[in-house]
Amino acid sequence: MSKNLLNRYIWFVDIIKRYGKISRDQLNKEWEQSPYSDGQPMPRRTFYNYRNSIEDLFGINIECSPSTYEYYIADNDTHGENLTNWMLNSAAMNNVITDAREVAGRIFLEDVPSARTYLSTVIKALKDFHPVIFTYHAFNRSNPTTDVTVEPYFLKIFRQRWYLTGRNVKDDKIKTYALDRIHDLVVHSSTFELPASFDVEEYTRDSFGIIFSQSEVKDVAIKCDVSQARYLRALPLHPSQHEAVHDSYSIFYYKLRLTHDFVQEILSFGPRLTVLSPPELRAMVVDDLNRTLDNYRSKKRRRQR
């Protein structure tokens, strides 16, 4: 799938989302004003191809009202809504940057290197159920692993990096790979079937980030002051988040598995967050803090010698 075609899909969803409901005539007027049309209306065949492809690729259902013959985006679950919003945010960013070339030297963006090379190829393999074969340069290994064959189950973006999760054919285990650590990727001509017992939503629901541990789900409680609570309301740490508001503080509650990346997220807030429960999570945070302090203390002792 080319970048230009992806941009057209994003434009298509964005227009319908902004109108709420839109007729074919109004859609054609918008299309004629877009950079993709050459001033021509959208052919009926193109309209239906885009509509079907958007549903197949992104799970975004574009329905038609039988009473008004207007098109709208059907209600989605949280995951579908997040994907729709990501597409629209991407479109908005592309349009803003395109219109701001003359001030490009004063606009600073976060780099997302993993989206440049293989994202569209992996999305196509994901859609068509083709395994992918690649070389993987893991951060914790000095030598790359070659001929890694993975049946792609799903993609996730986290902390500005894309990750592919799927079944490693050789190990017969579900594993996660950072796209920017992948090299020499090719799509195999064979196909696979997603196991009937595998549910992506269920597999990821109780996890934070991209460590999909299957350990026990815990009830987590975190305390913070009023100022920090505003941040967590605007950017929830996890979909299970809910809040109990008190006079001078809030307590946020979660249901999730305790993983290293969640501990790192808590530590990134410094003293502004305090873990109340469970005891295991408190111990994990305290252990990381102690090891960090030991690292600085050891360096201080070495300098004093």
Foldseek 3Di string as FASTA:
>chain_A
DDPVLLLVLLVVLLVQAVVQWAALVVVQVVLLVDPPNVNGGDDPVNVVVSQVVCCLLQVWHWDADPVPRIIHTDDDPPSSVVSSVVSNVVNVVVVVCVVPVVVVVVDDDDDQVLCPDCPVVVSVCQSQQWKKFWWFDDPVDPDIDHGFIFRFPDWDDDPSWIKTWGQRVVVRDIDIGTSVRTPPMDTDPDHDDDDPPDDPCVQPQQAFDPDRDPDAKDKWKKKFFPVVVVVCVVPPRHPQWDWDDDDTIIIIIGIHDDDPVVLVVQCVVPPRMDTPDDPVSNVVNVVVVVVVVVVVVVVVVVVVD
